[in-house]
Amino acid sequence: MSQVAGGTQFGRHSLADRKNDLYETPPCATRALIPFLDRDEAIWEPACGPGAIVRELRDAGFRVMASDLVDYGPEGVADWTGIDFLLERPDPCWPSVIVTNPPFKLADEFTRHALTLARTVWIFQRLNWLEGVKRADLMDRHLDHILLGRERLPMMHRDGWEGPKLAASAMPFAWFRFEAERPAGRVARFERISWRGA
């Protein structure tokens, strides 16, 4: 909880508290995405953290390359740590599909950079990420598909949170699919899915 002029703001931790901005993706969110992924495509998770997304995808039989800037120790799933995704350059060895829940403060940069490295990019973010002039280029030129849950997801608590654990998130989240070369004239498709049914 952080103080703002005229009152208290709930639901947002300070940047100092958020540290690496690690909020692990609920397993049901990744499982709900699986039917929309091509099993013949290798996937890169460049902000894998301890491995919430990677474990679900690997358990479902996908080939996943996992990296992160931070080493989460023996419990982590990263193939490589110390990798600053934003400094990576195009390489034919990289998978052509990226699936990630990037640090919220870097979501725009992650998405723009991911589109220079991969053909298809799935980003897990709050639904209100659709708003904003600064990311209009992403939404207007590259956004191709939005998967919004019919229900609210379980609350995502920051890594190390010791406070009360709330059952459900107060905010709607969605998967956003971006295409590096979205066909001209194509409008992003919006689809409601069930997090519970996955």
Foldseek 3Di string as FASTA:
>chain_A
DDDDPPGRDPDDDDCVVLPQLDFADALLQLVQCVVVDDQVFAEEEEDQAQHSNPVSCVVVPHHYAYEHQDDPPPSRDHPYYNDDLLPDAADPVHTQEYEYAHRPVCVLSNVVSNLRHHFKYKYKDFPCVLDDPVNCCQQVFWWAEKEWEPDFAADTDRPPDPDDGGGGDPTTMIITMTGSHDDPPHHHYYYYDHSVVD
